[in-house]
Amino acid sequence: MYDNLYTGLPEVPAKKATDVISFIKDGAGLGFSIEGGKDSPQGDVPLTIKKIFTGGAADKSGQFKVGDEIISINDVSFTNMSRIEAWTLMKKIPDGNEK
């Protein structure tokens, strides 16, 4: 069925950002790099996972994928942060359970 009368293409439902992922951060960090954010070269775009490091906390959890949007970590909102602000805050997160 074609829902979009202008293009004739099927309408694709928007991805909802409702998943809460809990994992354990170890001494090696969260285990992923980020891109985007406020004032990025692409403009103000969401912070997303750019790369997942093999053997890191994110990889070990098996719950992350490249392109996932980072909305918050431990109830701290990342939605209006630059990549540098987010990276700086992520480096300060203590080891242990994260969500």
PDB file of N, CA and C in Angstrom:
ATOM      1  N   MET A   1       0.846  -1.174   0.000  1.00  0.00           N
ATOM      2  CA  MET A   1       0.000   0.000   0.000  1.00  0.00           C
ATOM      3  C   MET A   1       0.893   1.239   0.000  1.00  0.00           C
ATOM      4  N   TYR A   2       0.514   2.229  -0.763  1.00  0.00           N
ATOM      5  CA  TYR A   2       1.276   3.465  -0.848  1.00  0.00           C
ATOM      6  C   TYR A   2       0.564   4.556  -0.078  1.00  0.00           C
ATOM      7  N   ASP A   3       1.227   5.029   0.974  1.00  0.00           N
ATOM      8  CA  ASP A   3       0.630   6.024   1.855  1.00  0.00           C
ATOM      9  C   ASP A   3       0.955   7.450   1.439  1.00  0.00           C
ATOM     10  N   ASN A   4       2.002   7.626   0.688  1.00  0.00           N
ATOM     11  CA  ASN A   4       2.414   8.967   0.323  1.00  0.00           C
ATOM     12  C   ASN A   4       1.917   9.261  -1.085  1.00  0.00           C
ATOM     13  N   LEU A   5       0.905  10.116  -1.202  1.00  0.00           N
ATOM     14  CA  LEU A   5       0.280  10.404  -2.485  1.00  0.00           C
ATOM     15  C   LEU A   5       1.179  11.190  -3.420  1.00  0.00           C
ATOM     16  N   TYR A   6       2.170  11.891  -2.882  1.00  0.00           N
ATOM     17  CA  TYR A   6       3.023  12.734  -3.715  1.00  0.00           C
ATOM     18  C   TYR A   6       4.137  11.952  -4.393  1.00  0.00           C
ATOM     19  N   THR A   7       4.713  10.985  -3.717  1.00  0.00           N
ATOM     20  CA  THR A   7       5.843  10.258  -4.294  1.00  0.00           C
ATOM     21  C   THR A   7       5.472   8.840  -4.714  1.00  0.00           C
ATOM     22  N   GLY A   8       4.374   8.313  -4.197  1.00  0.00           N
ATOM     23  CA  GLY A   8       4.003   6.943  -4.488  1.00  0.00           C
ATOM     24  C   GLY A   8       4.801   5.929  -3.696  1.00  0.00           C
ATOM     25  N   LEU A   9       5.623   6.395  -2.769  1.00  0.00           N
ATOM     26  CA  LEU A   9       6.442   5.500  -1.953  1.00  0.00           C
ATOM     27  C   LEU A   9       5.750   5.177  -0.650  1.00  0.00           C
ATOM     28  N   PRO A  10       5.994   3.990  -0.114  1.00  0.00           N
ATOM     29  CA  PRO A  10       5.394   3.658   1.184  1.00  0.00           C
ATOM     30  C   PRO A  10       5.920   4.576   2.276  1.00  0.00           C
ATOM     31  N   GLU A  11       5.071   4.911   3.212  1.00  0.00           N
ATOM     32  CA  GLU A  11       5.473   5.760   4.329  1.00  0.00           C
ATOM     33  C   GLU A  11       6.260   4.920   5.325  1.00  0.00           C
ATOM     34  N   VAL A  12       7.400   5.432   5.741  1.00  0.00           N
ATOM     35  CA  VAL A  12       8.262   4.723   6.688  1.00  0.00           C
ATOM     36  C   VAL A  12       8.023   5.303   8.071  1.00  0.00           C
ATOM     37  N   PRO A  13       7.646   4.457   9.040  1.00  0.00           N
ATOM     38  CA  PRO A  13       7.412   4.989  10.386  1.00  0.00           C
ATOM     39  C   PRO A  13       8.694   5.519  11.008  1.00  0.00           C
ATOM     40  N   ALA A  14       8.569   6.585  11.767  1.00  0.00           N
ATOM     41  CA  ALA A  14       9.726   7.183  12.441  1.00  0.00           C
ATOM     42  C   ALA A  14      10.201   6.251  13.547  1.00  0.00           C
ATOM     43  N   LYS A  15      11.505   6.211  13.742  1.00  0.00           N
ATOM     44  CA  LYS A  15      12.094   5.412  14.815  1.00  0.00           C
ATOM     45  C   LYS A  15      11.889   6.150  16.128  1.00  0.00           C
ATOM     46  N   LYS A  16      11.349   5.452  17.130  1.00  0.00           N
ATOM     47  CA  LYS A  16      11.129   6.064  18.440  1.00  0.00           C
ATOM     48  C   LYS A  16      12.360   5.878  19.317  1.00  0.00           C
ATOM     49  N   ALA A  17      12.677   6.902  20.076  1.00  0.00           N
ATOM     50  CA  ALA A  17      13.822   6.854  20.986  1.00  0.00           C
ATOM     51  C   ALA A  17      13.330   6.531  22.382  1.00  0.00           C
ATOM     52  N   THR A  18      13.009   5.292  22.591  1.00  0.00           N
ATOM     53  CA  THR A  18      12.455   4.919  23.886  1.00  0.00           C
ATOM     54  C   THR A  18      13.257   3.829  24.592  1.00  0.00           C
ATOM     55  N   ASP A  19      14.230   3.266  23.931  1.00  0.00           N
ATOM     56  CA  ASP A  19      14.981   2.173  24.544  1.00  0.00           C
ATOM     57  C   ASP A  19      15.957   2.704  25.582  1.00  0.00           C
ATOM     58  N   VAL A  20      15.930   2.102  26.756  1.00  0.00           N
ATOM     59  CA  VAL A  20      16.896   2.406  27.806  1.00  0.00           C
ATOM     60  C   VAL A  20      17.852   1.227  27.855  1.00  0.00           C
ATOM     61  N   ILE A  21      19.117   1.512  27.704  1.00  0.00           N
ATOM     62  CA  ILE A  21      20.128   0.464  27.700  1.00  0.00           C
ATOM     63  C   ILE A  21      20.988   0.619  28.946  1.00  0.00           C
ATOM     64  N   SER A  22      21.114  -0.455  29.689  1.00  0.00           N
ATOM     65  CA  SER A  22      21.986  -0.464  30.863  1.00  0.00           C
ATOM     66  C   SER A  22      23.184  -1.350  30.572  1.00  0.00           C
ATOM     67  N   PHE A  23      24.349  -0.892  30.954  1.00  0.00           N
ATOM     68  CA  PHE A  23      25.563  -1.675  30.769  1.00  0.00           C
ATOM     69  C   PHE A  23      26.592  -1.227  31.795  1.00  0.00           C
ATOM     70  N   ILE A  24      27.703  -1.937  31.866  1.00  0.00           N
ATOM     71  CA  ILE A  24      28.729  -1.650  32.866  1.00  0.00           C
ATOM     72  C   ILE A  24      29.943  -1.028  32.189  1.00  0.00           C
ATOM     73  N   LYS A  25      30.286   0.176  32.622  1.00  0.00           N
ATOM     74  CA  LYS A  25      31.489   0.853  32.134  1.00  0.00           C
ATOM     75  C   LYS A  25      32.674   0.351  32.944  1.00  0.00           C
ATOM     76  N   ASP A  26      33.738   0.010  32.224  1.00  0.00           N
ATOM     77  CA  ASP A  26      34.952  -0.419  32.929  1.00  0.00           C
ATOM     78  C   ASP A  26      36.023   0.658  32.768  1.00  0.00           C
ATOM     79  N   GLY A  27      37.207   0.396  33.226  1.00  0.00           N
ATOM     80  CA  GLY A  27      38.285   1.370  33.201  1.00  0.00           C
ATOM     81  C   GLY A  27      38.667   1.856  31.814  1.00  0.00           C
ATOM     82  N   ALA A  28      38.239   1.142  30.762  1.00  0.00           N
ATOM     83  CA  ALA A  28      38.596   1.511  29.392  1.00  0.00           C
ATOM     84  C   ALA A  28      37.602   2.494  28.774  1.00  0.00           C
ATOM     85  N   GLY A  29      36.599   2.936  29.507  1.00  0.00           N
ATOM     86  CA  GLY A  29      35.630   3.881  28.971  1.00  0.00           C
ATOM     87  C   GLY A  29      34.329   3.218  28.562  1.00  0.00           C
ATOM     88  N   LEU A  30      33.498   3.976  27.839  1.00  0.00           N
ATOM     89  CA  LEU A  30      32.187   3.481  27.422  1.00  0.00           C
ATOM     90  C   LEU A  30      32.280   2.558  26.212  1.00  0.00           C
ATOM     91  N   GLY A  31      33.348   2.688  25.441  1.00  0.00           N
ATOM     92  CA  GLY A  31      33.555   1.758  24.331  1.00  0.00           C
ATOM     93  C   GLY A  31      32.950   2.187  23.008  1.00  0.00           C
ATOM     94  N   PHE A  32      32.681   3.480  22.847  1.00  0.00           N
ATOM     95  CA  PHE A  32      32.204   3.963  21.553  1.00  0.00           C
ATOM     96  C   PHE A  32      32.636   5.409  21.348  1.00  0.00           C
ATOM     97  N   SER A  33      32.686   5.813  20.085  1.00  0.00           N
ATOM     98  CA  SER A  33      32.947   7.212  19.758  1.00  0.00           C
ATOM     99  C   SER A  33      31.649   7.829  19.242  1.00  0.00           C
ATOM    100  N   ILE A  34      31.597   9.156  19.273  1.00  0.00           N
ATOM    101  CA  ILE A  34      30.371   9.855  18.894  1.00  0.00           C
ATOM    102  C   ILE A  34      30.647  10.860  17.782  1.00  0.00           C
ATOM    103  N   GLU A  35      29.570  11.242  17.099  1.00  0.00           N
ATOM    104  CA  GLU A  35      29.643  12.295  16.092  1.00  0.00           C
ATOM    105  C   GLU A  35      28.355  13.103  16.143  1.00  0.00           C
ATOM    106  N   GLY A  36      28.389  14.268  15.503  1.00  0.00           N
ATOM    107  CA  GLY A  36      27.209  15.131  15.472  1.00  0.00           C
ATOM    108  C   GLY A  36      27.200  16.074  16.655  1.00  0.00           C
ATOM    109  N   GLY A  37      26.002  16.450  17.083  1.00  0.00           N
ATOM    110  CA  GLY A  37      25.843  17.364  18.201  1.00  0.00           C
ATOM    111  C   GLY A  37      25.613  18.795  17.756  1.00  0.00           C
ATOM    112  N   LYS A  38      25.413  19.629  18.717  1.00  0.00           N
ATOM    113  CA  LYS A  38      25.204  21.056  18.474  1.00  0.00           C
ATOM    114  C   LYS A  38      26.454  21.655  17.831  1.00  0.00           C
ATOM    115  N   ASP A  39      26.261  22.507  16.848  1.00  0.00           N
ATOM    116  CA  ASP A  39      27.349  23.204  16.151  1.00  0.00           C
ATOM    117  C   ASP A  39      28.314  22.264  15.428  1.00  0.00           C
ATOM    118  N   SER A  40      27.852  21.092  15.016  1.00  0.00           N
ATOM    119  CA  SER A  40      28.730  20.188  14.264  1.00  0.00           C
ATOM    120  C   SER A  40      28.871  20.699  12.828  1.00  0.00           C
ATOM    121  N   PRO A  41      29.825  20.188  12.059  1.00  0.00           N
ATOM    122  CA  PRO A  41      29.959  20.611  10.658  1.00  0.00           C
ATOM    123  C   PRO A  41      28.694  20.359   9.830  1.00  0.00           C
ATOM    124  N   GLN A  42      27.856  19.412  10.259  1.00  0.00           N
ATOM    125  CA  GLN A  42      26.600  19.116   9.570  1.00  0.00           C
ATOM    126  C   GLN A  42      25.451  19.975  10.088  1.00  0.00           C
ATOM    127  N   GLY A  43      25.737  20.894  11.004  1.00  0.00           N
ATOM    128  CA  GLY A  43      24.700  21.695  11.644  1.00  0.00           C
ATOM    129  C   GLY A  43      24.336  21.095  12.985  1.00  0.00           C
ATOM    130  N   ASP A  44      23.231  21.531  13.557  1.00  0.00           N
ATOM    131  CA  ASP A  44      22.773  20.987  14.839  1.00  0.00           C
ATOM    132  C   ASP A  44      22.043  19.673  14.577  1.00  0.00           C
ATOM    133  N   VAL A  45      22.748  18.583  14.775  1.00  0.00           N
ATOM    134  CA  VAL A  45      22.197  17.245  14.544  1.00  0.00           C
ATOM    135  C   VAL A  45      22.353  16.422  15.820  1.00  0.00           C
ATOM    136  N   PRO A  46      21.568  15.362  15.965  1.00  0.00           N
ATOM    137  CA  PRO A  46      21.684  14.542  17.179  1.00  0.00           C
ATOM    138  C   PRO A  46      23.070  13.914  17.323  1.00  0.00           C
ATOM    139  N   LEU A  47      23.484  13.708  18.560  1.00  0.00           N
ATOM    140  CA  LEU A  47      24.706  12.957  18.839  1.00  0.00           C
ATOM    141  C   LEU A  47      24.420  11.489  18.570  1.00  0.00           C
ATOM    142  N   THR A  48      25.283  10.858  17.802  1.00  0.00           N
ATOM    143  CA  THR A  48      25.088   9.445  17.483  1.00  0.00           C
ATOM    144  C   THR A  48      26.392   8.674  17.689  1.00  0.00           C
ATOM    145  N   ILE A  49      26.249   7.363  17.788  1.00  0.00           N
ATOM    146  CA  ILE A  49      27.416   6.495  17.907  1.00  0.00           C
ATOM    147  C   ILE A  49      28.069   6.383  16.533  1.00  0.00           C
ATOM    148  N   LYS A  50      29.339   6.761  16.469  1.00  0.00           N
ATOM    149  CA  LYS A  50      30.095   6.712  15.220  1.00  0.00           C
ATOM    150  C   LYS A  50      30.784   5.359  15.053  1.00  0.00           C
ATOM    151  N   LYS A  51      31.376   4.865  16.140  1.00  0.00           N
ATOM    152  CA  LYS A  51      32.128   3.609  16.095  1.00  0.00           C
ATOM    153  C   LYS A  51      32.009   2.910  17.441  1.00  0.00           C
ATOM    154  N   ILE A  52      31.911   1.594  17.418  1.00  0.00           N
ATOM    155  CA  ILE A  52      31.913   0.781  18.630  1.00  0.00           C
ATOM    156  C   ILE A  52      33.248   0.046  18.659  1.00  0.00           C
ATOM    157  N   PHE A  53      33.977   0.214  19.757  1.00  0.00           N
ATOM    158  CA  PHE A  53      35.304  -0.373  19.867  1.00  0.00           C
ATOM    159  C   PHE A  53      35.222  -1.838  20.301  1.00  0.00           C
ATOM    160  N   THR A  54      35.857  -2.696  19.532  1.00  0.00           N
ATOM    161  CA  THR A  54      35.866  -4.128  19.818  1.00  0.00           C
ATOM    162  C   THR A  54      36.415  -4.381  21.217  1.00  0.00           C
ATOM    163  N   GLY A  55      35.672  -5.136  22.014  1.00  0.00           N
ATOM    164  CA  GLY A  55      36.086  -5.474  23.373  1.00  0.00           C
ATOM    165  C   GLY A  55      35.750  -4.432  24.414  1.00  0.00           C
ATOM    166  N   GLY A  56      35.221  -3.273  23.988  1.00  0.00           N
ATOM    167  CA  GLY A  56      34.854  -2.218  24.930  1.00  0.00           C
ATOM    168  C   GLY A  56      33.519  -2.503  25.601  1.00  0.00           C
ATOM    169  N   ALA A  57      33.147  -1.657  26.547  1.00  0.00           N
ATOM    170  CA  ALA A  57      31.916  -1.851  27.318  1.00  0.00           C
ATOM    171  C   ALA A  57      30.678  -1.929  26.426  1.00  0.00           C
ATOM    172  N   ALA A  58      30.574  -1.048  25.439  1.00  0.00           N
ATOM    173  CA  ALA A  58      29.410  -1.058  24.547  1.00  0.00           C
ATOM    174  C   ALA A  58      29.364  -2.339  23.720  1.00  0.00           C
ATOM    175  N   ASP A  59      30.520  -2.782  23.234  1.00  0.00           N
ATOM    176  CA  ASP A  59      30.605  -4.015  22.457  1.00  0.00           C
ATOM    177  C   ASP A  59      30.227  -5.216  23.319  1.00  0.00           C
ATOM    178  N   LYS A  60      30.751  -5.263  24.526  1.00  0.00           N
ATOM    179  CA  LYS A  60      30.462  -6.385  25.431  1.00  0.00           C
ATOM    180  C   LYS A  60      28.985  -6.479  25.769  1.00  0.00           C
ATOM    181  N   SER A  61      28.302  -5.338  25.830  1.00  0.00           N
ATOM    182  CA  SER A  61      26.872  -5.364  26.172  1.00  0.00           C
ATOM    183  C   SER A  61      26.044  -5.924  25.022  1.00  0.00           C
ATOM    184  N   GLY A  62      26.512  -5.746  23.777  1.00  0.00           N
ATOM    185  CA  GLY A  62      25.791  -6.252  22.614  1.00  0.00           C
ATOM    186  C   GLY A  62      24.498  -5.512  22.304  1.00  0.00           C
ATOM    187  N   GLN A  63      24.281  -4.364  22.921  1.00  0.00           N
ATOM    188  CA  GLN A  63      23.012  -3.653  22.777  1.00  0.00           C
ATOM    189  C   GLN A  63      23.097  -2.411  21.895  1.00  0.00           C
ATOM    190  N   PHE A  64      24.293  -2.038  21.487  1.00  0.00           N
ATOM    191  CA  PHE A  64      24.490  -0.806  20.729  1.00  0.00           C
ATOM    192  C   PHE A  64      24.754  -1.105  19.264  1.00  0.00           C
ATOM    193  N   LYS A  65      24.429  -0.120  18.408  1.00  0.00           N
ATOM    194  CA  LYS A  65      24.821  -0.219  17.014  1.00  0.00           C
ATOM    195  C   LYS A  65      25.212   1.163  16.514  1.00  0.00           C
ATOM    196  N   VAL A  66      26.056   1.199  15.510  1.00  0.00           N
ATOM    197  CA  VAL A  66      26.463   2.461  14.904  1.00  0.00           C
ATOM    198  C   VAL A  66      25.217   3.190  14.412  1.00  0.00           C
ATOM    199  N   GLY A  67      25.163   4.488  14.696  1.00  0.00           N
ATOM    200  CA  GLY A  67      24.014   5.295  14.301  1.00  0.00           C
ATOM    201  C   GLY A  67      23.000   5.504  15.402  1.00  0.00           C
ATOM    202  N   ASP A  68      23.093   4.745  16.497  1.00  0.00           N
ATOM    203  CA  ASP A  68      22.182   4.961  17.631  1.00  0.00           C
ATOM    204  C   ASP A  68      22.362   6.367  18.160  1.00  0.00           C
ATOM    205  N   GLU A  69      21.253   7.016  18.485  1.00  0.00           N
ATOM    206  CA  GLU A  69      21.299   8.368  19.034  1.00  0.00           C
ATOM    207  C   GLU A  69      21.518   8.313  20.540  1.00  0.00           C
ATOM    208  N   ILE A  70      22.397   9.180  21.038  1.00  0.00           N
ATOM    209  CA  ILE A  70      22.647   9.298  22.475  1.00  0.00           C
ATOM    210  C   ILE A  70      21.752  10.416  22.990  1.00  0.00           C
ATOM    211  N   ILE A  71      20.738  10.064  23.754  1.00  0.00           N
ATOM    212  CA  ILE A  71      19.795  11.053  24.281  1.00  0.00           C
ATOM    213  C   ILE A  71      20.199  11.475  25.690  1.00  0.00           C
ATOM    214  N   SER A  72      20.554  10.499  26.511  1.00  0.00           N
ATOM    215  CA  SER A  72      21.009  10.807  27.865  1.00  0.00           C
ATOM    216  C   SER A  72      21.862   9.652  28.375  1.00  0.00           C
ATOM    217  N   ILE A  73      22.690   9.968  29.357  1.00  0.00           N
ATOM    218  CA  ILE A  73      23.461   8.951  30.067  1.00  0.00           C
ATOM    219  C   ILE A  73      23.309   9.259  31.539  1.00  0.00           C
ATOM    220  N   ASN A  74      22.875   8.253  32.290  1.00  0.00           N
ATOM    221  CA  ASN A  74      22.637   8.407  33.732  1.00  0.00           C
ATOM    222  C   ASN A  74      21.744   9.625  34.020  1.00  0.00           C
ATOM    223  N   ASP A  75      20.696   9.751  33.252  1.00  0.00           N
ATOM    224  CA  ASP A  75      19.686  10.809  33.412  1.00  0.00           C
ATOM    225  C   ASP A  75      20.204  12.214  33.125  1.00  0.00           C
ATOM    226  N   VAL A  76      21.367  12.351  32.497  1.00  0.00           N
ATOM    227  CA  VAL A  76      21.881  13.653  32.064  1.00  0.00           C
ATOM    228  C   VAL A  76      21.594  13.766  30.567  1.00  0.00           C
ATOM    229  N   SER A  77      20.844  14.786  30.177  1.00  0.00           N
ATOM    230  CA  SER A  77      20.464  14.970  28.786  1.00  0.00           C
ATOM    231  C   SER A  77      21.658  15.378  27.936  1.00  0.00           C
ATOM    232  N   PHE A  78      21.793  14.738  26.772  1.00  0.00           N
ATOM    233  CA  PHE A  78      22.840  15.058  25.813  1.00  0.00           C
ATOM    234  C   PHE A  78      22.265  15.733  24.570  1.00  0.00           C
ATOM    235  N   THR A  79      20.980  16.063  24.585  1.00  0.00           N
ATOM    236  CA  THR A  79      20.303  16.520  23.370  1.00  0.00           C
ATOM    237  C   THR A  79      20.746  17.886  22.873  1.00  0.00           C
ATOM    238  N   ASN A  80      21.256  18.751  23.702  1.00  0.00           N
ATOM    239  CA  ASN A  80      21.691  20.078  23.255  1.00  0.00           C
ATOM    240  C   ASN A  80      23.188  20.294  23.425  1.00  0.00           C
ATOM    241  N   MET A  81      23.956  19.215  23.471  1.00  0.00           N
ATOM    242  CA  MET A  81      25.401  19.330  23.670  1.00  0.00           C
ATOM    243  C   MET A  81      26.153  19.244  22.354  1.00  0.00           C
ATOM    244  N   SER A  82      27.307  19.888  22.315  1.00  0.00           N
ATOM    245  CA  SER A  82      28.230  19.690  21.205  1.00  0.00           C
ATOM    246  C   SER A  82      28.932  18.349  21.431  1.00  0.00           C
ATOM    247  N   ARG A  83      29.608  17.874  20.402  1.00  0.00           N
ATOM    248  CA  ARG A  83      30.330  16.613  20.534  1.00  0.00           C
ATOM    249  C   ARG A  83      31.417  16.732  21.596  1.00  0.00           C
ATOM    250  N   ILE A  84      32.104  17.850  21.649  1.00  0.00           N
ATOM    251  CA  ILE A  84      33.174  18.049  22.641  1.00  0.00           C
ATOM    252  C   ILE A  84      32.601  18.097  24.057  1.00  0.00           C
ATOM    253  N   GLU A  85      31.488  18.793  24.259  1.00  0.00           N
ATOM    254  CA  GLU A  85      30.849  18.839  25.585  1.00  0.00           C
ATOM    255  C   GLU A  85      30.445  17.441  26.022  1.00  0.00           C
ATOM    256  N   ALA A  86      29.842  16.679  25.113  1.00  0.00           N
ATOM    257  CA  ALA A  86      29.405  15.320  25.440  1.00  0.00           C
ATOM    258  C   ALA A  86      30.606  14.424  25.746  1.00  0.00           C
ATOM    259  N   TRP A  87      31.642  14.517  24.911  1.00  0.00           N
ATOM    260  CA  TRP A  87      32.838  13.701  25.116  1.00  0.00           C
ATOM    261  C   TRP A  87      33.476  14.005  26.473  1.00  0.00           C
ATOM    262  N   THR A  88      33.568  15.286  26.821  1.00  0.00           N
ATOM    263  CA  THR A  88      34.153  15.689  28.105  1.00  0.00           C
ATOM    264  C   THR A  88      33.354  15.121  29.265  1.00  0.00           C
ATOM    265  N   LEU A  89      32.039  15.193  29.183  1.00  0.00           N
ATOM    266  CA  LEU A  89      31.179  14.657  30.237  1.00  0.00           C
ATOM    267  C   LEU A  89      31.283  13.133  30.308  1.00  0.00           C
ATOM    268  N   MET A  90      31.325  12.482  29.149  1.00  0.00           N
ATOM    269  CA  MET A  90      31.426  11.018  29.126  1.00  0.00           C
ATOM    270  C   MET A  90      32.723  10.540  29.770  1.00  0.00           C
ATOM    271  N   LYS A  91      33.818  11.283  29.593  1.00  0.00           N
ATOM    272  CA  LYS A  91      35.092  10.908  30.192  1.00  0.00           C
ATOM    273  C   LYS A  91      35.043  10.961  31.725  1.00  0.00           C
ATOM    274  N   LYS A  92      34.142  11.785  32.269  1.00  0.00           N
ATOM    275  CA  LYS A  92      34.041  11.962  33.724  1.00  0.00           C
ATOM    276  C   LYS A  92      33.094  10.959  34.388  1.00  0.00           C
ATOM    277  N   ILE A  93      32.376  10.170  33.591  1.00  0.00           N
ATOM    278  CA  ILE A  93      31.442   9.197  34.165  1.00  0.00           C
ATOM    279  C   ILE A  93      32.220   8.118  34.889  1.00  0.00           C
ATOM    280  N   PRO A  94      31.909   7.872  36.154  1.00  0.00           N
ATOM    281  CA  PRO A  94      32.658   6.844  36.900  1.00  0.00           C
ATOM    282  C   PRO A  94      32.355   5.436  36.387  1.00  0.00           C
ATOM    283  N   ASP A  95      33.274   4.516  36.627  1.00  0.00           N
ATOM    284  CA  ASP A  95      33.065   3.124  36.243  1.00  0.00           C
ATOM    285  C   ASP A  95      31.865   2.565  37.008  1.00  0.00           C
ATOM    286  N   GLY A  96      31.203   1.589  36.409  1.00  0.00           N
ATOM    287  CA  GLY A  96      30.059   0.944  37.042  1.00  0.00           C
ATOM    288  C   GLY A  96      28.875   0.884  36.109  1.00  0.00           C
ATOM    289  N   ASN A  97      27.691   0.715  36.684  1.00  0.00           N
ATOM    290  CA  ASN A  97      26.474   0.605  35.887  1.00  0.00           C
ATOM    291  C   ASN A  97      26.092   1.932  35.274  1.00  0.00           C
ATOM    292  N   GLU A  98      25.788   1.910  33.981  1.00  0.00           N
ATOM    293  CA  GLU A  98      25.376   3.095  33.244  1.00  0.00           C
ATOM    294  C   GLU A  98      24.037   2.820  32.577  1.00  0.00           C
ATOM    295  N   LYS A  99      23.287   3.897  32.297  1.00  0.00           N
ATOM    296  CA  LYS A  99      22.053   3.738  31.526  1.00  0.00           C
ATOM    297  C   LYS A  99      21.779   4.980  30.722  1.00  0.00           C
TER     298      LYS A  99
END
